[in-house]
Structures are given as C-alpha cells and as structure tokens.
Amino acid sequence: MDDAEREETWSDFREAVNMSPSRLDEWLATDESREAGQHKDGGESTGHASGRRIAEILRTRKDDLTDDDYGHMRKVVGYVRRHLAQRPSGDVEDSRWRHSLMNWGHDPLA
C-alpha cells in the first residue's frame, strides 16, 4: 500500500469512526454490544471483535499502523457505509442496526 492509499484510508476511517476509543470501550462492555451482530459458534460477534481492534487502531500512532491495520480500516469503512445505507425507518435508538454500527465504531445518532 502506497502513501496515497494509506492517507485516503486514514481519512475515510476517521470519517466513518465517530466514537472515541474510550467511548467504544464503554460500549463494548455492555450487554447490548455483546448481543448485536452475527456470532460464530456462539462466541464473540464479528462486529464486537472488530470494535476491540478499532479501539486499538485509534490508540496507535499513525506512523505505527501496519498494512494489516490499514486493511482492517478499509473493512470498517465499507461496513459502515453499507449499513448506513440500510437505515431502517422509525426510531433507531435501541435498534440492533444502531448497536451493530456502534460495534464498528460508528454511532449514527452522534
């Protein structure tokens, strides 16, 4: 990945992820967070695991991010964009849709 791709990914990621690492950690500790998303074999959901990784990325100095980190950042951007486009009608405050997005570092009500 060249510097221009890294910069674009960084910018898109910072736009998509609107929760601070501490806010994300607080959210991930809730029952609502653990219940949202698809669970593999009854374990942690994909989004919950992603949220932990996102919090780590947010705490990492930009110069210390790896290509693997940037790959995950692109995955996050794609997820957030796709799911924002699928916003359900009505009140979403306590919806699984919002909870899933929050696991990926984006609170649509923020």
N, C-alpha and C. Protein backbone atom coordinates (compact mmCIF):
# COMPACT_ATOMS: atom_id res chain seq x y z
N MET A 1 0.86 -1.18 0.00
CA MET A 1 0.00 0.00 0.00
C MET A 1 0.90 1.23 0.00
N ASP A 2 0.65 2.12 -0.95
CA ASP A 2 1.49 3.32 -1.02
C ASP A 2 0.95 4.40 -0.08
N ASP A 3 1.72 5.48 0.03
CA ASP A 3 1.37 6.56 0.97
C ASP A 3 0.03 7.21 0.65
N ALA A 4 -0.29 7.37 -0.63
CA ALA A 4 -1.56 7.98 -1.01
C ALA A 4 -2.74 7.10 -0.59
N GLU A 5 -2.60 5.78 -0.76
CA GLU A 5 -3.66 4.86 -0.34
C GLU A 5 -3.82 4.87 1.18
N ARG A 6 -2.71 4.91 1.88
CA ARG A 6 -2.76 4.98 3.35
C ARG A 6 -3.48 6.25 3.79
N GLU A 7 -3.15 7.37 3.17
CA GLU A 7 -3.75 8.65 3.56
C GLU A 7 -5.26 8.64 3.28
N GLU A 8 -5.66 8.11 2.14
CA GLU A 8 -7.08 8.03 1.80
C GLU A 8 -7.81 7.11 2.78
N THR A 9 -7.20 5.97 3.09
CA THR A 9 -7.81 5.04 4.04
C THR A 9 -7.93 5.68 5.41
N TRP A 10 -6.89 6.37 5.85
CA TRP A 10 -6.91 7.05 7.15
C TRP A 10 -8.06 8.07 7.21
N SER A 11 -8.17 8.87 6.17
CA SER A 11 -9.20 9.89 6.11
C SER A 11 -10.60 9.26 6.12
N ASP A 12 -10.81 8.25 5.30
CA ASP A 12 -12.11 7.58 5.25
C ASP A 12 -12.45 6.92 6.60
N PHE A 13 -11.45 6.32 7.23
CA PHE A 13 -11.64 5.67 8.53
C PHE A 13 -12.04 6.68 9.59
N ARG A 14 -11.33 7.80 9.62
CA ARG A 14 -11.62 8.83 10.63
C ARG A 14 -13.00 9.44 10.41
N GLU A 15 -13.47 9.44 9.17
CA GLU A 15 -14.81 9.92 8.87
C GLU A 15 -15.87 8.91 9.31
N ALA A 16 -15.59 7.64 9.09
CA ALA A 16 -16.55 6.58 9.40
C ALA A 16 -16.65 6.30 10.90
N VAL A 17 -15.53 6.35 11.59
CA VAL A 17 -15.48 6.03 13.02
C VAL A 17 -15.64 7.33 13.80
N ASN A 18 -16.80 7.49 14.43
CA ASN A 18 -17.06 8.74 15.15
C ASN A 18 -17.11 8.55 16.66
N MET A 19 -16.66 7.39 17.12
CA MET A 19 -16.60 7.13 18.56
C MET A 19 -15.13 7.15 19.01
N SER A 20 -14.90 7.72 20.18
CA SER A 20 -13.54 7.74 20.73
C SER A 20 -13.20 6.34 21.23
N PRO A 21 -11.91 6.04 21.42
CA PRO A 21 -11.57 4.72 21.94
C PRO A 21 -12.20 4.43 23.30
N SER A 22 -12.25 5.44 24.17
CA SER A 22 -12.84 5.21 25.49
C SER A 22 -14.35 4.98 25.39
N ARG A 23 -15.02 5.74 24.54
CA ARG A 23 -16.47 5.55 24.34
C ARG A 23 -16.74 4.18 23.73
N LEU A 24 -15.92 3.77 22.79
CA LEU A 24 -16.07 2.46 22.18
C LEU A 24 -15.84 1.36 23.21
N ASP A 25 -14.82 1.50 24.05
CA ASP A 25 -14.58 0.51 25.12
C ASP A 25 -15.78 0.40 26.05
N GLU A 26 -16.35 1.55 26.42
CA GLU A 26 -17.53 1.54 27.30
C GLU A 26 -18.68 0.80 26.63
N TRP A 27 -18.90 1.09 25.36
CA TRP A 27 -19.98 0.45 24.61
C TRP A 27 -19.75 -1.06 24.52
N LEU A 28 -18.54 -1.47 24.21
CA LEU A 28 -18.25 -2.89 24.03
C LEU A 28 -18.44 -3.69 25.31
N ALA A 29 -18.43 -3.02 26.45
CA ALA A 29 -18.63 -3.69 27.73
C ALA A 29 -20.10 -3.94 28.07
N THR A 30 -21.02 -3.43 27.23
CA THR A 30 -22.45 -3.57 27.53
C THR A 30 -23.02 -4.88 26.98
N ASP A 31 -24.13 -5.30 27.57
CA ASP A 31 -24.83 -6.48 27.06
C ASP A 31 -25.36 -6.25 25.65
N GLU A 32 -25.84 -5.04 25.38
CA GLU A 32 -26.37 -4.72 24.06
C GLU A 32 -25.31 -4.91 22.98
N SER A 33 -24.09 -4.51 23.29
CA SER A 33 -23.00 -4.67 22.33
C SER A 33 -22.70 -6.15 22.08
N ARG A 34 -22.63 -6.91 23.14
CA ARG A 34 -22.30 -8.34 23.00
C ARG A 34 -23.40 -9.11 22.28
N GLU A 35 -24.65 -8.63 22.35
CA GLU A 35 -25.77 -9.33 21.71
C GLU A 35 -25.93 -8.96 20.23
N ALA A 36 -25.35 -7.84 19.80
CA ALA A 36 -25.53 -7.38 18.41
C ALA A 36 -24.63 -8.14 17.46
N GLY A 37 -25.10 -8.29 16.24
CA GLY A 37 -24.27 -8.86 15.19
C GLY A 37 -24.37 -10.36 15.07
N GLN A 38 -23.58 -10.89 14.15
CA GLN A 38 -23.57 -12.32 13.89
C GLN A 38 -22.49 -12.98 14.74
N HIS A 39 -22.89 -14.04 15.43
CA HIS A 39 -21.98 -14.76 16.31
C HIS A 39 -21.54 -16.06 15.65
N LYS A 40 -20.26 -16.30 15.68
CA LYS A 40 -19.72 -17.54 15.14
C LYS A 40 -19.64 -18.57 16.27
N ASP A 41 -20.30 -19.68 16.08
CA ASP A 41 -20.25 -20.79 17.04
C ASP A 41 -20.56 -20.36 18.47
N GLY A 42 -21.47 -19.38 18.62
CA GLY A 42 -21.87 -18.93 19.94
C GLY A 42 -20.87 -18.04 20.63
N GLY A 43 -19.77 -17.70 19.98
CA GLY A 43 -18.74 -16.85 20.58
C GLY A 43 -18.98 -15.38 20.31
N GLU A 44 -17.91 -14.64 20.32
CA GLU A 44 -17.96 -13.20 20.10
C GLU A 44 -18.38 -12.89 18.67
N SER A 45 -19.21 -11.87 18.51
CA SER A 45 -19.64 -11.48 17.17
C SER A 45 -18.48 -10.84 16.40
N THR A 46 -18.59 -10.88 15.09
CA THR A 46 -17.58 -10.28 14.22
C THR A 46 -17.43 -8.80 14.53
N GLY A 47 -18.56 -8.10 14.69
CA GLY A 47 -18.53 -6.67 14.96
C GLY A 47 -17.91 -6.34 16.30
N HIS A 48 -18.18 -7.17 17.31
CA HIS A 48 -17.62 -6.93 18.64
C HIS A 48 -16.10 -7.06 18.60
N ALA A 49 -15.61 -8.10 17.93
CA ALA A 49 -14.17 -8.27 17.78
C ALA A 49 -13.57 -7.11 16.99
N SER A 50 -14.28 -6.67 15.96
CA SER A 50 -13.82 -5.53 15.17
C SER A 50 -13.73 -4.28 16.04
N GLY A 51 -14.71 -4.08 16.90
CA GLY A 51 -14.70 -2.91 17.78
C GLY A 51 -13.47 -2.87 18.67
N ARG A 52 -13.07 -4.03 19.18
CA ARG A 52 -11.86 -4.07 20.01
C ARG A 52 -10.64 -3.68 19.18
N ARG A 53 -10.60 -4.18 17.96
CA ARG A 53 -9.48 -3.84 17.05
C ARG A 53 -9.51 -2.36 16.69
N ILE A 54 -10.68 -1.81 16.44
CA ILE A 54 -10.80 -0.39 16.12
C ILE A 54 -10.28 0.47 17.26
N ALA A 55 -10.64 0.13 18.49
CA ALA A 55 -10.15 0.89 19.65
C ALA A 55 -8.62 0.85 19.71
N GLU A 56 -8.03 -0.30 19.41
CA GLU A 56 -6.56 -0.41 19.38
C GLU A 56 -5.98 0.48 18.29
N ILE A 57 -6.58 0.45 17.10
CA ILE A 57 -6.10 1.28 15.99
C ILE A 57 -6.17 2.76 16.36
N LEU A 58 -7.27 3.16 16.99
CA LEU A 58 -7.43 4.57 17.38
C LEU A 58 -6.38 5.00 18.40
N ARG A 59 -5.87 4.06 19.17
CA ARG A 59 -4.86 4.37 20.19
C ARG A 59 -3.43 4.28 19.63
N THR A 60 -3.30 3.81 18.42
CA THR A 60 -1.99 3.62 17.81
C THR A 60 -1.58 4.87 17.06
N ARG A 61 -0.31 5.23 17.20
CA ARG A 61 0.20 6.37 16.43
C ARG A 61 0.09 6.05 14.95
N LYS A 62 -0.30 7.02 14.17
CA LYS A 62 -0.50 6.82 12.74
C LYS A 62 0.75 6.21 12.08
N ASP A 63 1.92 6.67 12.46
CA ASP A 63 3.17 6.16 11.88
C ASP A 63 3.44 4.70 12.25
N ASP A 64 2.76 4.20 13.27
CA ASP A 64 2.99 2.82 13.72
C ASP A 64 1.95 1.83 13.17
N LEU A 65 1.00 2.31 12.39
CA LEU A 65 -0.01 1.42 11.82
C LEU A 65 0.60 0.54 10.74
N THR A 66 0.17 -0.72 10.69
CA THR A 66 0.68 -1.69 9.73
C THR A 66 -0.27 -1.79 8.52
N ASP A 67 0.20 -2.47 7.49
CA ASP A 67 -0.67 -2.73 6.34
C ASP A 67 -1.90 -3.51 6.78
N ASP A 68 -1.74 -4.42 7.73
CA ASP A 68 -2.88 -5.18 8.25
C ASP A 68 -3.88 -4.25 8.93
N ASP A 69 -3.38 -3.28 9.68
CA ASP A 69 -4.27 -2.28 10.30
C ASP A 69 -5.04 -1.51 9.23
N TYR A 70 -4.33 -1.09 8.19
CA TYR A 70 -5.00 -0.36 7.11
C TYR A 70 -6.02 -1.23 6.40
N GLY A 71 -5.74 -2.51 6.27
CA GLY A 71 -6.72 -3.42 5.68
C GLY A 71 -7.98 -3.49 6.52
N HIS A 72 -7.81 -3.55 7.85
CA HIS A 72 -8.98 -3.58 8.72
C HIS A 72 -9.73 -2.25 8.64
N MET A 73 -9.01 -1.17 8.56
CA MET A 73 -9.63 0.15 8.46
C MET A 73 -10.51 0.23 7.21
N ARG A 74 -10.03 -0.32 6.09
CA ARG A 74 -10.84 -0.32 4.86
C ARG A 74 -12.10 -1.18 5.05
N LYS A 75 -11.96 -2.29 5.76
CA LYS A 75 -13.11 -3.15 6.05
C LYS A 75 -14.15 -2.39 6.87
N VAL A 76 -13.70 -1.64 7.85
CA VAL A 76 -14.59 -0.84 8.70
C VAL A 76 -15.34 0.19 7.87
N VAL A 77 -14.62 0.90 7.02
CA VAL A 77 -15.23 1.93 6.18
C VAL A 77 -16.32 1.31 5.31
N GLY A 78 -16.03 0.18 4.69
CA GLY A 78 -17.02 -0.49 3.85
C GLY A 78 -18.24 -0.90 4.63
N TYR A 79 -18.04 -1.48 5.82
CA TYR A 79 -19.16 -1.91 6.65
C TYR A 79 -20.04 -0.73 7.02
N VAL A 80 -19.43 0.33 7.53
CA VAL A 80 -20.19 1.50 7.98
C VAL A 80 -20.98 2.10 6.82
N ARG A 81 -20.35 2.25 5.69
CA ARG A 81 -21.05 2.83 4.54
C ARG A 81 -22.23 1.96 4.10
N ARG A 82 -22.03 0.66 4.01
CA ARG A 82 -23.11 -0.24 3.59
C ARG A 82 -24.28 -0.19 4.57
N HIS A 83 -23.98 -0.22 5.85
CA HIS A 83 -25.05 -0.28 6.84
C HIS A 83 -25.76 1.06 7.05
N LEU A 84 -25.07 2.15 6.86
CA LEU A 84 -25.74 3.44 6.91
C LEU A 84 -26.76 3.56 5.78
N ALA A 85 -26.45 2.96 4.65
CA ALA A 85 -27.37 2.99 3.51
C ALA A 85 -28.61 2.13 3.74
N GLN A 86 -28.56 1.27 4.76
CA GLN A 86 -29.68 0.37 5.07
C GLN A 86 -30.45 0.82 6.31
N ARG A 87 -30.38 2.09 6.63
CA ARG A 87 -31.05 2.60 7.84
C ARG A 87 -32.53 2.23 7.82
N PRO A 88 -33.00 1.61 8.90
CA PRO A 88 -34.42 1.28 8.97
C PRO A 88 -35.25 2.52 9.28
N SER A 89 -36.53 2.43 9.02
CA SER A 89 -37.41 3.55 9.34
C SER A 89 -37.73 3.54 10.83
N GLY A 90 -38.18 4.65 11.31
CA GLY A 90 -38.58 4.75 12.70
C GLY A 90 -37.42 5.07 13.63
N ASP A 91 -37.70 4.91 14.91
CA ASP A 91 -36.73 5.21 15.96
C ASP A 91 -35.66 4.13 15.98
N VAL A 92 -34.41 4.52 15.82
CA VAL A 92 -33.31 3.55 15.78
C VAL A 92 -32.49 3.54 17.07
N GLU A 93 -32.87 4.34 18.06
CA GLU A 93 -32.03 4.49 19.24
C GLU A 93 -31.65 3.16 19.89
N ASP A 94 -32.61 2.27 20.07
CA ASP A 94 -32.33 0.99 20.71
C ASP A 94 -32.40 -0.17 19.72
N SER A 95 -32.09 0.11 18.46
CA SER A 95 -32.20 -0.93 17.42
C SER A 95 -30.92 -1.75 17.30
N ARG A 96 -31.08 -2.98 16.84
CA ARG A 96 -29.92 -3.83 16.56
C ARG A 96 -29.06 -3.20 15.47
N TRP A 97 -29.69 -2.49 14.53
CA TRP A 97 -28.96 -1.80 13.46
C TRP A 97 -27.96 -0.81 14.06
N ARG A 98 -28.43 0.03 14.97
CA ARG A 98 -27.54 1.01 15.61
C ARG A 98 -26.48 0.31 16.45
N HIS A 99 -26.89 -0.69 17.20
CA HIS A 99 -25.95 -1.40 18.07
C HIS A 99 -24.84 -2.05 17.25
N SER A 100 -25.21 -2.62 16.10
CA SER A 100 -24.21 -3.23 15.24
C SER A 100 -23.23 -2.18 14.72
N LEU A 101 -23.74 -1.05 14.27
CA LEU A 101 -22.86 0.02 13.80
C LEU A 101 -21.94 0.51 14.91
N MET A 102 -22.46 0.61 16.11
CA MET A 102 -21.64 1.08 17.22
C MET A 102 -20.51 0.09 17.51
N ASN A 103 -20.76 -1.20 17.32
CA ASN A 103 -19.68 -2.17 17.49
C ASN A 103 -18.54 -1.90 16.51
N TRP A 104 -18.87 -1.30 15.38
CA TRP A 104 -17.88 -0.96 14.35
C TRP A 104 -17.38 0.47 14.49
N GLY A 105 -17.68 1.12 15.64
CA GLY A 105 -17.13 2.43 15.94
C GLY A 105 -17.92 3.61 15.42
N HIS A 106 -19.14 3.37 14.93
CA HIS A 106 -19.94 4.48 14.40
C HIS A 106 -21.28 4.55 15.12
N ASP A 107 -21.54 5.66 15.77
CA ASP A 107 -22.86 5.88 16.38
C ASP A 107 -23.65 6.80 15.45
N PRO A 108 -24.67 6.26 14.78
CA PRO A 108 -25.43 7.08 13.82
C PRO A 108 -26.21 8.22 14.46
N LEU A 109 -26.33 8.22 15.78
CA LEU A 109 -27.05 9.29 16.46
C LEU A 109 -26.11 10.35 17.04
N ALA A 110 -24.83 10.16 16.83
CA ALA A 110 -23.84 11.13 17.38
C ALA A 110 -23.76 12.37 16.52
